[in-house]
Protein backbone atom coordinates (compact mmCIF):
# COMPACT_ATOMS: atom_id res chain seq x y z
CA MET A 1 122.91 55.31 128.06
CA ASN A 2 120.68 52.56 129.45
CA GLU A 3 121.59 51.03 132.81
CA ILE A 4 120.13 48.34 135.09
CA ARG A 5 121.55 48.34 138.60
CA ALA A 6 120.81 45.73 141.28
CA TYR A 7 120.90 46.99 144.85
CA PRO A 8 121.66 44.46 147.57
CA ASP A 9 118.38 43.53 149.38
CA GLY A 10 116.63 46.18 147.25
CA PRO A 11 115.19 46.88 143.82
CA LEU A 12 116.51 46.84 140.28
CA LEU A 13 116.97 50.42 139.23
CA VAL A 14 116.38 50.92 135.47
CA ARG A 15 117.59 54.11 133.82
CA GLY A 16 117.42 55.38 130.18
CA ASP A 17 115.12 54.72 127.27
CA PHE A 18 113.36 51.48 127.81
CA GLN A 19 109.96 49.78 127.45
CA LEU A 20 108.54 47.59 130.15
CA VAL A 21 106.35 44.70 129.02
CA ASP A 22 104.30 42.14 130.90
CA GLU A 23 104.41 38.32 130.43
CA ASP A 24 102.09 38.68 127.39
CA GLY A 25 104.25 41.41 125.74
CA GLU A 26 101.83 44.12 126.61
CA PRO A 27 103.35 47.48 127.58
CA ILE A 28 103.47 48.52 131.18
CA PRO A 29 103.28 52.32 131.46
CA ALA A 30 106.35 53.94 133.12
CA SER A 31 106.05 57.60 133.57
CA ARG A 32 109.68 58.24 134.26
CA ARG A 33 113.10 57.54 132.70
CA THR A 34 114.23 56.00 136.01
CA VAL A 35 112.17 53.32 137.74
CA ALA A 36 112.75 50.88 140.56
CA LEU A 37 111.55 47.34 139.90
CA CYS A 38 110.59 45.12 142.81
CA ARG A 39 112.68 42.00 143.54
CA CYS A 40 111.12 40.95 146.91
CA GLY A 41 107.61 40.24 145.60
CA ARG A 42 106.00 42.14 148.42
CA THR A 43 105.22 45.42 146.61
CA GLY A 44 101.69 46.80 146.46
CA ILE A 45 102.33 48.31 143.05
CA PRO A 46 103.85 45.52 140.86
CA PRO A 47 106.23 45.53 139.05
CA PHE A 48 107.44 48.73 140.72
CA CYS A 49 109.17 48.85 144.10
CA ASP A 50 107.23 50.69 146.91
CA GLY A 51 109.85 50.21 149.63
CA THR A 52 108.02 47.26 151.26
CA HIS A 53 111.30 45.30 151.30
CA THR A 54 112.47 47.63 154.20
CA LEU A 55 109.59 46.59 156.42
CA PRO A 56 109.70 43.61 158.83
CA ILE A 57 108.07 40.41 157.59
CA LYS A 58 104.98 39.64 159.64
CA ARG A 59 104.94 36.10 160.92
CA ARG A 60 101.65 34.26 161.54
């Protein structure tokens, strides 16, 4: 079964058989059957979540 679950103030968790593609339709390698996709835009490894959303936002 495929599932996409949105966590409040967190990532989208994608489980199952899926293929990720970029805006041009090119495949994005996913090495696992469960991945967390970033929704905050602050990740260092897009499109995957690296937990950056849990860190305080630095103000200039």
